[in-house]
Amino acid sequence: KGECTPADIACSLIASLAARVAALIVSTGWPHAHIVLAGGLAQSAQLVEEISALLPGSRFEVLPESGYLEAAGAAVAARQAGSRGVSGESATFFKSANLSGKSATRGSRPDEGVRPPLPRRLPLKRFLSSVIHIQEPEWTLPRTGMDCILGVDAGSTTTKAILLDRASGRVAARRYLRTHGNPVQAAFECIADLERQVAGLPYRIVQAAVTGSGREIVSIYLDNCTVFNEILAHARAAREVLPEVDTLFEIGGQDAKFVALEAGIPVDCAMNDGCSAGTGSFLEEAAASDMEVPIDQLGALALSSTSPIAFGERCAAFINSEVRAALQQGVPRADVLAGLVYAIVENYLSRVVGARQTGRTVLLQGGVALNPAVAPAVAALAGVQVTVPPN
């Protein structure tokens, strides 16, 4: 929405961290007249200033060794303990050590249990067309004089836009891009790409509508076009694809939704609040940061797992810690990824669906539905048949 800059957000995050650290210091009950700060963030001058301002009676000190103080402490402790068990030249010692980045033997799991492998074949119905006929093509060829309806989803993580042929009701052009914190720019880039797809063919846009978290601001730039909230937009799209649908599971980039429908009308809905562990961004960031797995390879790797880790329905911070512990113990990446897929589904079912009634016809929507491992996990954990719609 343009309410702040990335610098403002970074400043707020550091201030929030300083407040938590100061509260932790006070809560210990220990004397804190002189405090040494350790860790990489000790290099942040703003963090030191913020903590000092919150605890004016304390003197904070950052040592030259603060960034690697724990490693220095381990070396000092080793020196005090003597040279037991280490002999020979340093080159020999390092050569004999396991420095490949992988454990020599697979250690114990960070969690007590494991999950069964993700099922590759489940009663999944996958429609290849926006109508019921499976063989009918999903696209309509752009044609001269076509009347189009423009739809934009200005999401928090990704922005999508389509041109719908009003006569046939089929998609004539579509685009899917990262939002990168700027929904207006992302919407413009999507629309520019749609224009390139139908270049040279005279057409008219007779109606436009926007949904998604950035819908209000994007609507202004599209001549104050119609705005729909995501619940209504998801429900209407689901009814178009599958008229008998009665339940929507939607797992998006930064939020997740549940919608119950009667005769295509939303009668109950819920959204996640406060934890990212049931969203796509959590899965993508965990895979990219700790395992360097691109999002397009995540699903195939997870499906190849033979012993997925049972992370359970913990918060994102705890699961991230367990991911790192598992990797340090030599657990295969595939097992960790499959465990993460199970974890986001468990968190979704626990925190979003909860005790709500799940119907007979479940439609899985959202960007996470593009991951081929997620729908099998939903079907396995929820015990339902899952439909993954087109687009």
Protein backbone atom coordinates (compact mmCIF):
# COMPACT_ATOMS: atom_id res chain seq x y z
CA LYS A 1 0.00 0.00 0.00
CA GLY A 2 3.04 2.31 0.03
CA GLU A 3 2.60 3.07 3.73
CA CYS A 4 6.30 2.55 4.45
CA THR A 5 9.65 1.72 2.89
CA PRO A 6 11.78 -1.42 3.34
CA ALA A 7 14.03 0.71 5.57
CA ASP A 8 11.05 1.51 7.82
CA ILE A 9 10.23 -2.19 8.14
CA ALA A 10 13.86 -3.10 8.95
CA CYS A 11 13.93 -0.33 11.59
CA SER A 12 10.70 -1.64 13.15
CA LEU A 13 11.97 -5.22 13.22
CA ILE A 14 15.19 -4.21 14.98
CA ALA A 15 13.26 -2.11 17.50
CA SER A 16 10.93 -5.04 18.20
CA LEU A 17 13.87 -7.40 18.68
CA ALA A 18 15.55 -4.91 21.03
CA ALA A 19 12.38 -4.72 23.12
CA ARG A 20 12.23 -8.51 23.43
CA VAL A 21 15.91 -8.76 24.37
CA ALA A 22 15.54 -6.01 26.99
CA ALA A 23 12.48 -7.75 28.47
CA LEU A 24 14.40 -11.03 28.60
CA ILE A 25 17.32 -9.37 30.43
CA VAL A 26 15.01 -7.86 33.04
CA SER A 27 13.06 -11.12 33.50
CA THR A 28 16.19 -13.07 34.52
CA GLY A 29 16.48 -11.13 37.78
CA TRP A 30 20.28 -11.08 37.43
CA PRO A 31 22.29 -7.90 37.95
CA HIS A 32 22.74 -6.24 34.58
CA ALA A 33 24.94 -3.21 35.11
CA HIS A 34 27.48 -4.40 32.52
CA ILE A 35 26.31 -6.53 29.56
CA VAL A 36 28.28 -8.00 26.67
CA LEU A 37 26.31 -8.50 23.45
CA ALA A 38 27.12 -11.56 21.33
CA GLY A 39 25.87 -12.86 17.98
CA GLY A 40 25.83 -11.53 14.46
CA LEU A 41 23.20 -8.88 15.21
CA ALA A 42 25.55 -7.29 17.74
CA GLN A 43 27.05 -5.63 14.66
CA SER A 44 23.85 -3.58 14.27
CA ALA A 45 24.49 -0.16 15.76
CA GLN A 46 20.76 0.53 15.85
CA LEU A 47 20.11 -2.61 17.89
CA VAL A 48 22.73 -1.57 20.45
CA GLU A 49 21.27 1.93 20.64
CA GLU A 50 17.70 0.63 21.04
CA ILE A 51 18.61 -1.78 23.87
CA SER A 52 20.73 0.88 25.59
CA ALA A 53 17.81 3.31 25.50
CA LEU A 54 15.47 0.70 27.00
CA LEU A 55 17.91 -0.13 29.82
CA PRO A 56 19.62 3.20 30.62
CA GLY A 57 21.12 1.80 33.82
CA SER A 58 23.14 -0.81 31.95
CA ARG A 59 26.40 -0.48 30.04
CA PHE A 60 26.39 -2.52 26.84
CA GLU A 61 29.64 -3.61 25.26
CA VAL A 62 30.30 -5.15 21.84
CA LEU A 63 33.63 -6.98 21.65
CA PRO A 64 35.67 -7.58 18.49
CA GLU A 65 34.87 -11.26 19.10
CA SER A 66 31.12 -10.74 19.60
CA GLY A 67 30.21 -12.15 16.19
CA TYR A 68 31.90 -15.49 16.95
CA LEU A 69 31.98 -15.45 20.74
CA GLU A 70 30.53 -18.95 21.13
CA ALA A 71 33.19 -20.46 18.84
CA ALA A 72 35.87 -18.62 20.79
CA GLY A 73 34.37 -19.96 24.01
CA ALA A 74 34.49 -23.52 22.68
CA ALA A 75 38.17 -23.08 21.79
CA VAL A 76 38.98 -21.66 25.22
CA ALA A 77 37.18 -24.54 26.91
CA ALA A 78 39.13 -27.00 24.74
CA ARG A 79 42.41 -25.33 25.73
CA GLN A 80 41.52 -25.64 29.39
CA ALA A 81 40.60 -29.29 28.93
CA GLY A 82 43.96 -30.07 27.32
CA SER A 83 44.68 -31.92 24.09
CA ARG A 84 42.99 -35.21 24.91
CA GLY A 85 42.11 -37.26 21.85
CA VAL A 86 43.79 -34.94 19.33
CA SER A 87 47.22 -35.71 18.03
CA GLY A 88 49.35 -35.13 14.96
CA GLU A 89 49.61 -32.22 12.58
CA SER A 90 46.62 -29.94 11.94
CA ALA A 91 46.48 -31.02 8.29
CA THR A 92 46.08 -34.64 9.39
CA PHE A 93 43.40 -33.69 11.90
CA PHE A 94 41.31 -31.76 9.37
CA LYS A 95 41.69 -34.49 6.78
CA SER A 96 40.39 -37.11 9.21
CA ALA A 97 37.47 -34.98 10.32
CA ASN A 98 34.16 -35.24 8.46
CA LEU A 99 34.02 -31.80 6.83
CA SER A 100 31.91 -32.73 3.81
CA GLY A 101 28.81 -31.08 5.21
CA LYS A 102 27.04 -34.44 5.64
CA SER A 103 26.94 -36.73 8.62
CA ALA A 104 28.98 -39.92 8.38
CA THR A 105 26.03 -41.85 9.78
CA ARG A 106 22.40 -40.94 9.92
CA GLY A 107 21.61 -39.69 13.40
CA SER A 108 18.44 -39.92 15.39
CA ARG A 109 15.37 -38.11 14.20
CA PRO A 110 14.57 -34.72 15.71
CA ASP A 111 11.03 -35.96 16.28
CA GLU A 112 9.90 -39.26 17.73
CA GLY A 113 7.91 -40.46 14.71
CA VAL A 114 7.88 -40.49 10.96
CA ARG A 115 5.05 -40.20 8.47
CA PRO A 116 4.17 -42.73 5.80
CA PRO A 117 5.41 -41.76 2.32
CA LEU A 118 3.19 -39.32 0.47
CA PRO A 119 0.82 -41.40 -1.70
CA ARG A 120 1.43 -40.92 -5.40
CA ARG A 121 -1.99 -42.22 -6.42
CA LEU A 122 -5.09 -41.03 -4.62
CA PRO A 123 -8.69 -40.49 -5.70
CA LEU A 124 -7.81 -37.09 -7.14
CA LYS A 125 -9.98 -35.58 -9.85
CA ARG A 126 -8.02 -33.16 -12.01
CA PHE A 127 -10.05 -31.14 -14.46
CA LEU A 128 -8.17 -30.12 -17.58
CA SER A 129 -10.82 -27.64 -18.71
CA SER A 130 -12.91 -24.87 -17.22
CA VAL A 131 -15.95 -27.02 -18.11
CA ILE A 132 -16.73 -30.59 -17.14
CA HIS A 133 -15.64 -32.20 -20.44
CA ILE A 134 -12.11 -33.49 -19.83
CA GLN A 135 -10.94 -33.37 -23.45
CA GLU A 136 -12.10 -29.83 -24.10
CA PRO A 137 -9.16 -27.41 -24.26
CA GLU A 138 -8.69 -24.99 -21.43
CA TRP A 139 -7.87 -22.05 -23.67
CA THR A 140 -9.82 -20.17 -26.29
CA LEU A 141 -7.81 -18.70 -29.15
CA PRO A 142 -7.84 -14.90 -29.15
CA ARG A 143 -9.86 -13.64 -32.08
CA THR A 144 -10.59 -10.34 -33.77
CA GLY A 145 -13.37 -8.34 -32.16
CA MET A 146 -13.35 -10.38 -28.98
CA ASP A 147 -15.04 -8.86 -25.91
CA CYS A 148 -12.92 -9.58 -22.85
CA ILE A 149 -13.33 -9.44 -19.10
CA LEU A 150 -10.17 -8.60 -17.14
CA GLY A 151 -9.65 -10.31 -13.78
CA VAL A 152 -6.78 -9.43 -11.44
CA ASP A 153 -5.77 -11.12 -8.18
CA ALA A 154 -3.40 -8.75 -6.36
CA GLY A 155 -2.09 -11.25 -3.83
CA SER A 156 0.46 -10.73 -1.08
CA THR A 157 3.00 -13.11 -2.65
CA THR A 158 1.91 -13.40 -6.27
CA THR A 159 -0.23 -11.37 -8.65
CA LYS A 160 -2.35 -13.02 -11.33
CA ALA A 161 -4.32 -11.63 -14.27
CA ILE A 162 -6.50 -13.20 -16.95
CA LEU A 163 -8.46 -12.13 -20.00
CA LEU A 164 -11.71 -14.06 -20.20
CA ASP A 165 -13.54 -14.39 -23.51
CA ARG A 166 -17.04 -13.20 -22.62
CA ALA A 167 -18.68 -15.24 -25.36
CA SER A 168 -17.18 -18.63 -24.48
CA GLY A 169 -16.32 -18.06 -20.82
CA ARG A 170 -12.85 -19.45 -21.39
CA VAL A 171 -9.42 -17.99 -20.65
CA ALA A 172 -7.86 -16.23 -23.64
CA ALA A 173 -4.65 -15.04 -21.91
CA ARG A 174 -3.17 -15.27 -18.43
CA ARG A 175 -0.13 -14.20 -16.43
CA TYR A 176 1.27 -15.16 -12.99
CA LEU A 177 4.01 -13.00 -11.41
CA ARG A 178 5.63 -12.30 -8.06
CA THR A 179 4.19 -9.30 -6.23
CA HIS A 180 7.51 -8.28 -4.59
CA GLY A 181 5.66 -5.98 -2.20
CA ASN A 182 4.30 -3.76 -5.00
CA PRO A 183 0.85 -4.96 -6.15
CA VAL A 184 0.31 -2.01 -8.50
CA GLN A 185 3.55 -2.58 -10.40
CA ALA A 186 2.95 -6.33 -10.50
CA ALA A 187 -0.60 -5.81 -11.83
CA PHE A 188 0.69 -3.48 -14.54
CA GLU A 189 3.32 -6.03 -15.59
CA CYS A 190 0.70 -8.78 -15.73
CA ILE A 191 -1.64 -6.66 -17.85
CA ALA A 192 1.20 -5.62 -20.18
CA ASP A 193 1.97 -9.29 -20.76
CA LEU A 194 -1.71 -10.01 -21.49
CA GLU A 195 -1.62 -7.26 -24.09
CA ARG A 196 1.41 -8.86 -25.73
CA GLN A 197 -0.41 -12.19 -25.88
CA VAL A 198 -3.31 -10.71 -27.85
CA ALA A 199 -1.22 -8.18 -29.82
CA GLY A 200 -2.48 -7.50 -33.34
CA LEU A 201 -6.04 -8.63 -32.60
CA PRO A 202 -8.60 -5.87 -32.05
CA TYR A 203 -10.46 -6.54 -28.79
CA ARG A 204 -12.38 -4.69 -26.10
CA ILE A 205 -12.25 -4.97 -22.33
CA VAL A 206 -15.89 -4.58 -21.34
CA GLN A 207 -15.53 -5.23 -17.62
CA ALA A 208 -12.76 -5.56 -15.02
CA ALA A 209 -12.58 -6.72 -11.41
CA VAL A 210 -9.86 -7.07 -8.76
CA THR A 211 -9.51 -9.36 -5.74
CA GLY A 212 -6.67 -10.16 -3.35
CA SER A 213 -5.05 -8.36 -0.43
CA GLY A 214 -3.99 -5.45 -2.68
CA ARG A 215 -7.35 -5.11 -4.41
CA GLU A 216 -8.29 -1.66 -3.11
CA ILE A 217 -5.11 0.09 -4.26
CA VAL A 218 -5.00 -1.73 -7.62
CA SER A 219 -8.65 -0.90 -8.29
CA ILE A 220 -7.85 2.81 -8.05
CA TYR A 221 -5.31 2.46 -10.85
CA LEU A 222 -7.80 0.48 -12.95
CA ASP A 223 -10.37 3.29 -13.04
CA ASN A 224 -11.99 2.24 -9.76
CA CYS A 225 -13.14 -1.08 -11.19
CA THR A 226 -15.22 -3.62 -9.27
CA VAL A 227 -13.63 -5.12 -6.13
CA PHE A 228 -14.40 -8.52 -4.59
CA ASN A 229 -12.96 -10.05 -1.44
CA GLU A 230 -11.08 -13.34 -1.81
CA ILE A 231 -13.80 -15.47 -0.22
CA LEU A 232 -16.38 -14.42 -2.82
CA ALA A 233 -13.90 -14.67 -5.70
CA HIS A 234 -12.78 -18.18 -4.69
CA ALA A 235 -16.37 -19.34 -4.24
CA ARG A 236 -17.51 -18.01 -7.61
CA ALA A 237 -14.55 -19.56 -9.44
CA ALA A 238 -15.07 -22.89 -7.67
CA ARG A 239 -18.75 -22.98 -8.61
CA GLU A 240 -17.83 -22.33 -12.24
CA VAL A 241 -15.36 -25.22 -12.33
CA LEU A 242 -17.29 -27.69 -10.17
CA PRO A 243 -20.97 -26.81 -9.62
CA GLU A 244 -21.43 -29.43 -6.87
CA VAL A 245 -18.50 -28.14 -4.77
CA ASP A 246 -19.32 -27.76 -1.06
CA THR A 247 -15.89 -27.16 0.54
CA LEU A 248 -12.91 -25.00 -0.41
CA PHE A 249 -9.43 -25.50 1.02
CA GLU A 250 -7.31 -22.54 -0.04
CA ILE A 251 -3.62 -22.38 0.87
CA GLY A 252 -2.04 -19.18 -0.37
CA GLY A 253 1.33 -17.52 -0.03
CA GLN A 254 0.74 -15.68 3.25
CA ASP A 255 -2.71 -16.74 4.36
CA ALA A 256 -5.01 -19.72 4.15
CA LYS A 257 -8.79 -19.94 3.99
CA PHE A 258 -11.61 -22.41 4.50
CA VAL A 259 -15.00 -21.88 2.86
CA ALA A 260 -18.14 -23.99 3.22
CA LEU A 261 -20.73 -23.62 0.47
CA GLU A 262 -24.37 -24.49 0.03
CA ALA A 263 -25.63 -24.39 -3.56
CA GLY A 264 -22.49 -22.44 -4.44
CA ILE A 265 -23.09 -19.76 -1.79
CA PRO A 266 -20.49 -19.26 1.00
CA VAL A 267 -22.16 -20.00 4.36
CA ASP A 268 -19.08 -20.30 6.58
CA CYS A 269 -15.46 -19.26 6.25
CA ALA A 270 -12.27 -18.98 8.26
CA MET A 271 -8.76 -17.63 7.77
CA ASN A 272 -5.49 -18.34 9.52
CA ASP A 273 -4.34 -15.70 11.97
CA GLY A 274 -0.89 -15.29 13.45
CA CYS A 275 1.15 -18.25 12.16
CA SER A 276 2.73 -18.83 8.75
CA ALA A 277 3.25 -22.58 9.27
CA GLY A 278 0.10 -23.37 7.25
CA THR A 279 0.98 -21.22 4.23
CA GLY A 280 3.01 -21.51 1.06
CA SER A 281 5.60 -18.89 1.97
CA PHE A 282 6.70 -20.97 4.96
CA LEU A 283 7.20 -24.05 2.80
CA GLU A 284 9.01 -22.15 0.07
CA GLU A 285 11.30 -20.18 2.39
CA ALA A 286 12.23 -23.22 4.47
CA ALA A 287 13.10 -25.18 1.34
CA ALA A 288 15.05 -22.35 -0.27
CA SER A 289 16.99 -21.07 2.75
CA ASP A 290 18.03 -24.30 4.44
CA MET A 291 18.05 -26.80 1.56
CA GLU A 292 18.49 -24.57 -1.52
CA VAL A 293 15.63 -26.38 -3.25
CA PRO A 294 13.85 -24.33 -5.97
CA ILE A 295 10.08 -24.20 -5.64
CA ASP A 296 9.56 -26.08 -8.92
CA GLN A 297 11.55 -29.08 -7.60
CA LEU A 298 10.03 -29.17 -4.13
CA GLY A 299 7.03 -31.37 -4.91
CA ALA A 300 8.90 -34.06 -6.83
CA LEU A 301 11.53 -34.36 -4.09
CA ALA A 302 8.86 -34.61 -1.38
CA LEU A 303 7.06 -37.37 -3.29
CA SER A 304 10.31 -39.36 -3.49
CA SER A 305 10.61 -39.49 0.31
CA THR A 306 10.37 -42.87 2.03
CA SER A 307 10.31 -41.67 5.67
CA PRO A 308 8.89 -38.14 6.03
CA ILE A 309 9.65 -36.49 9.36
CA ALA A 310 6.67 -35.92 11.66
CA PHE A 311 7.11 -32.25 12.57
CA GLY A 312 3.54 -31.95 13.83
CA GLU A 313 1.42 -28.82 14.07
CA ARG A 314 4.02 -26.58 15.69
CA CYS A 315 4.62 -22.93 14.90
CA ALA A 316 6.93 -21.95 12.06
CA ALA A 317 9.83 -20.97 14.33
CA PHE A 318 9.98 -24.37 16.05
CA ILE A 319 9.64 -26.27 12.78
CA ASN A 320 12.46 -24.23 11.27
CA SER A 321 14.69 -25.17 14.20
CA GLU A 322 13.83 -28.84 13.75
CA VAL A 323 14.51 -28.61 10.00
CA ARG A 324 18.04 -27.40 10.69
CA ALA A 325 18.58 -30.05 13.34
CA ALA A 326 17.42 -32.78 10.97
CA LEU A 327 19.73 -31.58 8.19
CA GLN A 328 22.66 -31.43 10.61
CA GLN A 329 21.96 -35.04 11.55
CA GLY A 330 22.10 -36.13 7.92
CA VAL A 331 18.40 -36.69 7.31
CA PRO A 332 17.80 -36.70 3.51
CA ARG A 333 16.34 -33.52 2.09
CA ALA A 334 13.43 -35.46 0.58
CA ASP A 335 12.33 -36.67 4.03
CA VAL A 336 12.57 -33.15 5.44
CA LEU A 337 10.60 -31.66 2.53
CA ALA A 338 7.88 -34.31 2.78
CA GLY A 339 7.68 -33.60 6.51
CA LEU A 340 7.26 -29.90 5.76
CA VAL A 341 4.44 -30.65 3.30
CA TYR A 342 2.69 -32.73 5.95
CA ALA A 343 3.32 -29.94 8.51
CA ILE A 344 1.66 -27.15 6.52
CA VAL A 345 -1.36 -29.38 5.87
CA GLU A 346 -1.56 -30.35 9.56
CA ASN A 347 -1.35 -26.69 10.59
CA TYR A 348 -3.99 -25.77 8.03
CA LEU A 349 -6.39 -28.48 9.18
CA SER A 350 -5.81 -27.66 12.85
CA ARG A 351 -5.68 -23.85 12.81
CA VAL A 352 -8.01 -23.01 9.91
CA VAL A 353 -10.46 -25.88 9.45
CA GLY A 354 -10.55 -26.91 13.11
CA ALA A 355 -13.84 -28.55 14.11
CA ARG A 356 -15.71 -27.27 11.05
CA GLN A 357 -17.61 -29.70 8.88
CA THR A 358 -15.83 -30.82 5.73
CA GLY A 359 -18.11 -31.73 2.85
CA ARG A 360 -17.95 -34.47 0.25
CA THR A 361 -16.55 -32.39 -2.60
CA VAL A 362 -13.34 -30.58 -1.60
CA LEU A 363 -11.65 -28.19 -3.99
CA LEU A 364 -8.00 -27.34 -3.26
CA GLN A 365 -7.10 -23.85 -4.43
CA GLY A 366 -4.23 -21.38 -4.07
CA GLY A 367 -0.66 -21.33 -5.33
CA VAL A 368 0.31 -24.23 -3.08
CA ALA A 369 -2.07 -26.48 -5.06
CA LEU A 370 0.49 -26.29 -7.89
CA ASN A 371 2.83 -28.34 -5.69
CA PRO A 372 2.12 -31.98 -6.65
CA ALA A 373 2.85 -33.21 -3.11
CA VAL A 374 0.31 -31.05 -1.29
CA ALA A 375 -2.95 -32.49 -2.63
CA PRO A 376 -1.96 -36.08 -1.68
CA ALA A 377 -1.05 -34.84 1.81
CA VAL A 378 -4.42 -33.11 2.16
CA ALA A 379 -6.26 -36.23 0.99
CA ALA A 380 -4.26 -38.47 3.33
CA LEU A 381 -4.61 -36.32 6.46
CA ALA A 382 -8.17 -35.07 5.94
CA GLY A 383 -9.49 -38.37 4.61
CA VAL A 384 -11.30 -36.68 1.72
CA GLN A 385 -11.29 -36.75 -2.04
CA VAL A 386 -9.47 -33.67 -3.35
CA THR A 387 -10.14 -31.87 -6.60
CA VAL A 388 -7.44 -29.60 -8.03
CA PRO A 389 -8.99 -27.16 -10.51
CA PRO A 390 -7.29 -25.57 -13.53
CA ASN A 391 -5.79 -22.10 -13.30
